[in-house]
Amino acid sequence: MKTDGGATTVLRLMISFLLVAITASGVVADQKEPVLDFQGRLVATNVRYFLGVQFGDR
């Protein structure tokens, strides 16, 4: 099944905004707990992160 290019773009934007909201909430809430990415590295604030999405049908 082929997915719509617009739907893929919307999905990527939603995930990106979610990541920004999660990292920003940690800063606003003044939590001292570090935020780690999927490889265990510290997530820096105010830095662009690029997201790669793979679908099973490609």
C-alpha atoms as a PDB file:
ATOM      1  CA  MET A   1       0.000   0.000   0.000  1.00  0.00           C
ATOM      2  CA  LYS A   2       1.360   3.418  -0.908  1.00  0.00           C
ATOM      3  CA  THR A   3       1.006   6.187   1.674  1.00  0.00           C
ATOM      4  CA  ASP A   4       0.167   9.778   0.884  1.00  0.00           C
ATOM      5  CA  GLY A   5       3.178  12.104   0.962  1.00  0.00           C
ATOM      6  CA  GLY A   6       1.164  14.689   2.892  1.00  0.00           C
ATOM      7  CA  ALA A   7       0.285  12.194   5.607  1.00  0.00           C
ATOM      8  CA  THR A   8       3.948  11.280   6.010  1.00  0.00           C
ATOM      9  CA  THR A   9       4.900  14.947   6.336  1.00  0.00           C
ATOM     10  CA  VAL A  10       2.209  15.529   8.948  1.00  0.00           C
ATOM     11  CA  LEU A  11       3.382  12.489  10.915  1.00  0.00           C
ATOM     12  CA  ARG A  12       6.969  13.748  10.907  1.00  0.00           C
ATOM     13  CA  LEU A  13       5.872  17.209  12.051  1.00  0.00           C
ATOM     14  CA  MET A  14       3.746  15.767  14.861  1.00  0.00           C
ATOM     15  CA  ILE A  15       6.636  13.659  16.159  1.00  0.00           C
ATOM     16  CA  SER A  16       9.023  16.623  15.911  1.00  0.00           C
ATOM     17  CA  PHE A  17       6.671  18.882  17.869  1.00  0.00           C
ATOM     18  CA  LEU A  18       6.226  16.163  20.476  1.00  0.00           C
ATOM     19  CA  LEU A  19       9.999  15.879  20.940  1.00  0.00           C
ATOM     20  CA  VAL A  20      10.304  19.657  21.295  1.00  0.00           C
ATOM     21  CA  ALA A  21       7.465  19.731  23.833  1.00  0.00           C
ATOM     22  CA  ILE A  22       9.012  16.939  25.899  1.00  0.00           C
ATOM     23  CA  THR A  23      12.480  18.530  26.005  1.00  0.00           C
ATOM     24  CA  ALA A  24      11.077  22.023  26.634  1.00  0.00           C
ATOM     25  CA  SER A  25       8.851  20.805  29.484  1.00  0.00           C
ATOM     26  CA  GLY A  26      11.894  19.401  31.250  1.00  0.00           C
ATOM     27  CA  VAL A  27      13.545  22.817  31.101  1.00  0.00           C
ATOM     28  CA  VAL A  28      10.440  24.746  32.171  1.00  0.00           C
ATOM     29  CA  ALA A  29       9.665  22.386  35.037  1.00  0.00           C
ATOM     30  CA  ASP A  30      13.232  22.925  36.346  1.00  0.00           C
ATOM     31  CA  GLN A  31      13.855  19.217  36.627  1.00  0.00           C
ATOM     32  CA  LYS A  32      17.404  18.165  37.341  1.00  0.00           C
ATOM     33  CA  GLU A  33      16.970  14.778  35.679  1.00  0.00           C
ATOM     34  CA  PRO A  34      18.869  14.497  32.353  1.00  0.00           C
ATOM     35  CA  VAL A  35      16.968  13.723  29.154  1.00  0.00           C
ATOM     36  CA  LEU A  36      18.565  10.998  27.016  1.00  0.00           C
ATOM     37  CA  ASP A  37      18.030  10.028  23.391  1.00  0.00           C
ATOM     38  CA  PHE A  38      17.561   6.457  22.144  1.00  0.00           C
ATOM     39  CA  GLN A  39      21.339   5.883  22.175  1.00  0.00           C
ATOM     40  CA  GLY A  40      21.748   7.086  25.758  1.00  0.00           C
ATOM     41  CA  ARG A  41      23.320  10.443  24.891  1.00  0.00           C
ATOM     42  CA  LEU A  42      22.237  13.682  26.554  1.00  0.00           C
ATOM     43  CA  VAL A  43      19.661  15.678  24.599  1.00  0.00           C
ATOM     44  CA  ALA A  44      20.748  19.291  24.213  1.00  0.00           C
ATOM     45  CA  THR A  45      18.194  22.088  24.483  1.00  0.00           C
ATOM     46  CA  ASN A  46      17.609  24.562  21.645  1.00  0.00           C
ATOM     47  CA  VAL A  47      19.309  22.273  19.111  1.00  0.00           C
ATOM     48  CA  ARG A  48      17.753  20.952  15.899  1.00  0.00           C
ATOM     49  CA  TYR A  49      17.254  17.220  15.784  1.00  0.00           C
ATOM     50  CA  PHE A  50      16.480  15.468  12.522  1.00  0.00           C
ATOM     51  CA  LEU A  51      14.051  12.600  12.450  1.00  0.00           C
ATOM     52  CA  GLY A  52      14.232   9.648  10.103  1.00  0.00           C
ATOM     53  CA  VAL A  53      11.040   7.646   9.619  1.00  0.00           C
ATOM     54  CA  GLN A  54      10.938   4.290   7.846  1.00  0.00           C
ATOM     55  CA  PHE A  55       7.798   2.466   6.859  1.00  0.00           C
ATOM     56  CA  GLY A  56       7.587  -1.278   6.308  1.00  0.00           C
ATOM     57  CA  ASP A  57       6.119  -1.029   2.802  1.00  0.00           C
ATOM     58  CA  ARG A  58       9.118   0.748   1.249  1.00  0.00           C
END
